[in-house]
Amino acid sequence: MENRAKERARVREEERQKRLAELKADEEKTPDDVANEMAKWEEEQDAAEEAADEGDPDKPDLEAMIEKEREVLREARTADDAMFDELS
């Protein structure tokens, strides 16, 4: 998850810098216009990332991972309980 987040942040920052440079290059835009358009761009990027996460089959699912580990622990405990019953 951390690697995915770091890579996404790196790519987004690169895209942000490109977009900001494009907006600043436009001499007709005031600093307020640039700030407003960047805020709008950030919102659009957030929505796009959220939508991309919904359909991503490679996205780690924390709940599924936790349940899988719980099942492994349950099986180990069942096996341990059976061994203790056998020894007693």
N, C-alpha and C. Protein backbone atom coordinates (compact mmCIF):
# COMPACT_ATOMS: atom_id res chain seq x y z
N MET A 1 0.83 -1.19 0.00
CA MET A 1 0.00 0.00 0.00
C MET A 1 0.87 1.25 0.00
N GLU A 2 1.94 1.22 0.81
CA GLU A 2 2.81 2.39 0.88
C GLU A 2 3.47 2.65 -0.46
N ASN A 3 3.92 1.58 -1.11
CA ASN A 3 4.56 1.74 -2.42
C ASN A 3 3.59 2.32 -3.44
N ARG A 4 2.37 1.85 -3.42
CA ARG A 4 1.35 2.39 -4.34
C ARG A 4 1.12 3.86 -4.06
N ALA A 5 1.02 4.22 -2.80
CA ALA A 5 0.76 5.61 -2.43
C ALA A 5 1.94 6.51 -2.82
N LYS A 6 3.16 6.04 -2.59
CA LYS A 6 4.34 6.83 -2.94
C LYS A 6 4.42 7.03 -4.44
N GLU A 7 4.19 5.98 -5.21
CA GLU A 7 4.26 6.09 -6.67
C GLU A 7 3.17 7.02 -7.18
N ARG A 8 1.97 6.88 -6.65
CA ARG A 8 0.87 7.75 -7.06
C ARG A 8 1.17 9.21 -6.72
N ALA A 9 1.74 9.45 -5.54
CA ALA A 9 2.08 10.82 -5.15
C ALA A 9 3.16 11.40 -6.05
N ARG A 10 4.14 10.57 -6.41
CA ARG A 10 5.22 11.04 -7.27
C ARG A 10 4.68 11.42 -8.65
N VAL A 11 3.86 10.55 -9.22
CA VAL A 11 3.29 10.82 -10.54
C VAL A 11 2.38 12.05 -10.49
N ARG A 12 1.59 12.14 -9.45
CA ARG A 12 0.67 13.27 -9.34
C ARG A 12 1.43 14.58 -9.20
N GLU A 13 2.52 14.57 -8.44
CA GLU A 13 3.31 15.79 -8.28
C GLU A 13 3.94 16.21 -9.61
N GLU A 14 4.40 15.25 -10.40
CA GLU A 14 4.95 15.56 -11.72
C GLU A 14 3.87 16.20 -12.61
N GLU A 15 2.69 15.59 -12.60
CA GLU A 15 1.58 16.13 -13.40
C GLU A 15 1.17 17.51 -12.90
N ARG A 16 1.18 17.68 -11.60
CA ARG A 16 0.82 18.97 -11.00
C ARG A 16 1.80 20.06 -11.44
N GLN A 17 3.08 19.73 -11.42
CA GLN A 17 4.10 20.70 -11.83
C GLN A 17 3.93 21.08 -13.30
N LYS A 18 3.64 20.08 -14.14
CA LYS A 18 3.42 20.36 -15.57
C LYS A 18 2.21 21.28 -15.76
N ARG A 19 1.12 20.96 -15.08
CA ARG A 19 -0.11 21.75 -15.20
C ARG A 19 0.12 23.18 -14.70
N LEU A 20 0.82 23.31 -13.60
CA LEU A 20 1.10 24.63 -13.03
C LEU A 20 1.96 25.45 -13.99
N ALA A 21 2.95 24.81 -14.60
CA ALA A 21 3.80 25.51 -15.56
C ALA A 21 2.99 25.98 -16.77
N GLU A 22 2.06 25.12 -17.23
CA GLU A 22 1.20 25.50 -18.35
C GLU A 22 0.35 26.72 -18.00
N LEU A 23 -0.22 26.71 -16.81
CA LEU A 23 -1.08 27.81 -16.40
C LEU A 23 -0.30 29.10 -16.21
N LYS A 24 0.90 29.00 -15.65
CA LYS A 24 1.72 30.19 -15.45
C LYS A 24 2.24 30.74 -16.77
N ALA A 25 2.39 29.89 -17.77
CA ALA A 25 2.87 30.33 -19.07
C ALA A 25 1.82 31.18 -19.80
N ASP A 26 0.56 30.96 -19.46
CA ASP A 26 -0.52 31.74 -20.06
C ASP A 26 -0.53 33.13 -19.42
N GLU A 27 -0.11 34.12 -20.18
CA GLU A 27 0.05 35.47 -19.65
C GLU A 27 -1.28 36.15 -19.33
N GLU A 28 -2.36 35.63 -19.86
CA GLU A 28 -3.67 36.24 -19.61
C GLU A 28 -4.24 35.87 -18.24
N LYS A 29 -3.69 34.85 -17.62
CA LYS A 29 -4.23 34.39 -16.34
C LYS A 29 -3.58 35.13 -15.17
N THR A 30 -4.42 35.53 -14.24
CA THR A 30 -3.94 36.18 -13.02
C THR A 30 -3.54 35.09 -12.02
N PRO A 31 -2.81 35.44 -10.99
CA PRO A 31 -2.47 34.44 -9.96
C PRO A 31 -3.71 33.81 -9.33
N ASP A 32 -4.77 34.59 -9.19
CA ASP A 32 -6.02 34.03 -8.64
C ASP A 32 -6.62 33.01 -9.60
N ASP A 33 -6.58 33.30 -10.90
CA ASP A 33 -7.08 32.35 -11.90
C ASP A 33 -6.29 31.05 -11.84
N VAL A 34 -4.98 31.19 -11.72
CA VAL A 34 -4.11 30.01 -11.65
C VAL A 34 -4.46 29.18 -10.42
N ALA A 35 -4.61 29.86 -9.28
CA ALA A 35 -4.94 29.16 -8.03
C ALA A 35 -6.29 28.45 -8.14
N ASN A 36 -7.28 29.12 -8.72
CA ASN A 36 -8.61 28.52 -8.87
C ASN A 36 -8.57 27.31 -9.79
N GLU A 37 -7.86 27.44 -10.90
CA GLU A 37 -7.78 26.31 -11.84
C GLU A 37 -7.00 25.15 -11.25
N MET A 38 -5.97 25.43 -10.45
CA MET A 38 -5.22 24.35 -9.80
C MET A 38 -6.08 23.65 -8.76
N ALA A 39 -6.89 24.39 -8.03
CA ALA A 39 -7.79 23.78 -7.05
C ALA A 39 -8.79 22.88 -7.76
N LYS A 40 -9.32 23.36 -8.88
CA LYS A 40 -10.26 22.54 -9.65
C LYS A 40 -9.56 21.29 -10.19
N TRP A 41 -8.33 21.44 -10.67
CA TRP A 41 -7.55 20.32 -11.19
C TRP A 41 -7.32 19.28 -10.08
N GLU A 42 -6.98 19.74 -8.87
CA GLU A 42 -6.75 18.84 -7.74
C GLU A 42 -8.01 18.03 -7.43
N GLU A 43 -9.17 18.69 -7.44
CA GLU A 43 -10.43 18.00 -7.18
C GLU A 43 -10.70 16.93 -8.24
N GLU A 44 -10.44 17.29 -9.50
CA GLU A 44 -10.65 16.34 -10.59
C GLU A 44 -9.72 15.14 -10.45
N GLN A 45 -8.48 15.40 -10.05
CA GLN A 45 -7.51 14.31 -9.87
C GLN A 45 -7.93 13.39 -8.72
N ASP A 46 -8.42 13.99 -7.63
CA ASP A 46 -8.90 13.19 -6.50
C ASP A 46 -10.03 12.27 -6.94
N ALA A 47 -10.98 12.82 -7.70
CA ALA A 47 -12.12 12.02 -8.17
C ALA A 47 -11.65 10.92 -9.12
N ALA A 48 -10.71 11.25 -9.99
CA ALA A 48 -10.20 10.25 -10.94
C ALA A 48 -9.46 9.13 -10.22
N GLU A 49 -8.67 9.46 -9.22
CA GLU A 49 -7.95 8.44 -8.46
C GLU A 49 -8.92 7.54 -7.69
N GLU A 50 -9.93 8.15 -7.12
CA GLU A 50 -10.92 7.37 -6.37
C GLU A 50 -11.66 6.41 -7.29
N ALA A 51 -12.02 6.88 -8.47
CA ALA A 51 -12.71 6.03 -9.45
C ALA A 51 -11.79 4.91 -9.93
N ALA A 52 -10.52 5.21 -10.11
CA ALA A 52 -9.57 4.19 -10.56
C ALA A 52 -9.37 3.12 -9.49
N ASP A 53 -9.39 3.52 -8.23
CA ASP A 53 -9.23 2.56 -7.14
C ASP A 53 -10.41 1.58 -7.06
N GLU A 54 -11.60 2.05 -7.37
CA GLU A 54 -12.78 1.20 -7.28
C GLU A 54 -12.70 -0.02 -8.19
N GLY A 55 -12.17 0.17 -9.38
CA GLY A 55 -12.14 -0.94 -10.34
C GLY A 55 -10.80 -1.62 -10.44
N ASP A 56 -9.86 -1.31 -9.55
CA ASP A 56 -8.51 -1.86 -9.64
C ASP A 56 -8.45 -3.23 -8.97
N PRO A 57 -8.24 -4.30 -9.76
CA PRO A 57 -8.17 -5.63 -9.16
C PRO A 57 -6.89 -5.85 -8.36
N ASP A 58 -5.86 -5.04 -8.57
CA ASP A 58 -4.59 -5.19 -7.86
C ASP A 58 -4.56 -4.43 -6.54
N LYS A 59 -5.60 -3.68 -6.28
CA LYS A 59 -5.64 -2.90 -5.04
C LYS A 59 -5.74 -3.85 -3.85
N PRO A 60 -4.84 -3.72 -2.89
CA PRO A 60 -4.91 -4.56 -1.70
C PRO A 60 -6.19 -4.28 -0.92
N ASP A 61 -6.82 -5.34 -0.44
CA ASP A 61 -8.04 -5.22 0.34
C ASP A 61 -7.71 -5.57 1.79
N LEU A 62 -7.64 -4.56 2.62
CA LEU A 62 -7.23 -4.75 4.01
C LEU A 62 -8.14 -5.73 4.74
N GLU A 63 -9.44 -5.59 4.59
CA GLU A 63 -10.38 -6.48 5.28
C GLU A 63 -10.18 -7.93 4.87
N ALA A 64 -9.96 -8.17 3.58
CA ALA A 64 -9.74 -9.54 3.10
C ALA A 64 -8.42 -10.09 3.64
N MET A 65 -7.41 -9.24 3.72
CA MET A 65 -6.12 -9.68 4.24
C MET A 65 -6.23 -10.03 5.73
N ILE A 66 -6.95 -9.23 6.48
CA ILE A 66 -7.14 -9.49 7.91
C ILE A 66 -7.91 -10.79 8.11
N GLU A 67 -8.98 -10.98 7.34
CA GLU A 67 -9.77 -12.20 7.47
C GLU A 67 -8.95 -13.43 7.12
N LYS A 68 -8.12 -13.33 6.12
CA LYS A 68 -7.26 -14.45 5.74
C LYS A 68 -6.31 -14.82 6.88
N GLU A 69 -5.72 -13.83 7.52
CA GLU A 69 -4.82 -14.08 8.65
C GLU A 69 -5.58 -14.66 9.84
N ARG A 70 -6.79 -14.17 10.07
CA ARG A 70 -7.61 -14.73 11.16
C ARG A 70 -7.91 -16.20 10.92
N GLU A 71 -8.20 -16.55 9.68
CA GLU A 71 -8.49 -17.94 9.35
C GLU A 71 -7.27 -18.82 9.59
N VAL A 72 -6.10 -18.34 9.24
CA VAL A 72 -4.86 -19.09 9.49
C VAL A 72 -4.68 -19.29 10.99
N LEU A 73 -4.93 -18.25 11.77
CA LEU A 73 -4.80 -18.37 13.23
C LEU A 73 -5.84 -19.33 13.83
N ARG A 74 -7.07 -19.29 13.30
CA ARG A 74 -8.10 -20.21 13.77
C ARG A 74 -7.70 -21.67 13.51
N GLU A 75 -7.19 -21.92 12.32
CA GLU A 75 -6.77 -23.28 11.97
C GLU A 75 -5.62 -23.74 12.87
N ALA A 76 -4.67 -22.84 13.16
CA ALA A 76 -3.55 -23.19 14.03
C ALA A 76 -4.05 -23.47 15.44
N ARG A 77 -5.00 -22.66 15.90
CA ARG A 77 -5.52 -22.86 17.25
C ARG A 77 -6.29 -24.18 17.34
N THR A 78 -7.07 -24.49 16.30
CA THR A 78 -7.81 -25.75 16.28
C THR A 78 -6.85 -26.93 16.33
N ALA A 79 -5.78 -26.84 15.55
CA ALA A 79 -4.79 -27.92 15.55
C ALA A 79 -4.11 -28.02 16.91
N ASP A 80 -3.79 -26.89 17.55
CA ASP A 80 -3.17 -26.89 18.86
C ASP A 80 -4.12 -27.48 19.90
N ASP A 81 -5.39 -27.08 19.86
CA ASP A 81 -6.37 -27.60 20.80
C ASP A 81 -6.51 -29.11 20.65
N ALA A 82 -6.52 -29.59 19.42
CA ALA A 82 -6.62 -31.03 19.18
C ALA A 82 -5.39 -31.75 19.76
N MET A 83 -4.21 -31.17 19.60
CA MET A 83 -2.99 -31.78 20.13
C MET A 83 -3.05 -31.80 21.66
N PHE A 84 -3.51 -30.72 22.28
CA PHE A 84 -3.58 -30.68 23.75
C PHE A 84 -4.60 -31.70 24.27
N ASP A 85 -5.73 -31.85 23.58
CA ASP A 85 -6.73 -32.84 23.97
C ASP A 85 -6.13 -34.24 23.88
N GLU A 86 -5.38 -34.48 22.85
CA GLU A 86 -4.77 -35.79 22.65
C GLU A 86 -3.75 -36.07 23.74
N LEU A 87 -2.97 -35.06 24.12
CA LEU A 87 -1.97 -35.25 25.18
C LEU A 87 -2.61 -35.44 26.55
N SER A 88 -3.76 -34.81 26.79
CA SER A 88 -4.37 -34.99 28.10
C SER A 88 -5.15 -36.26 28.11
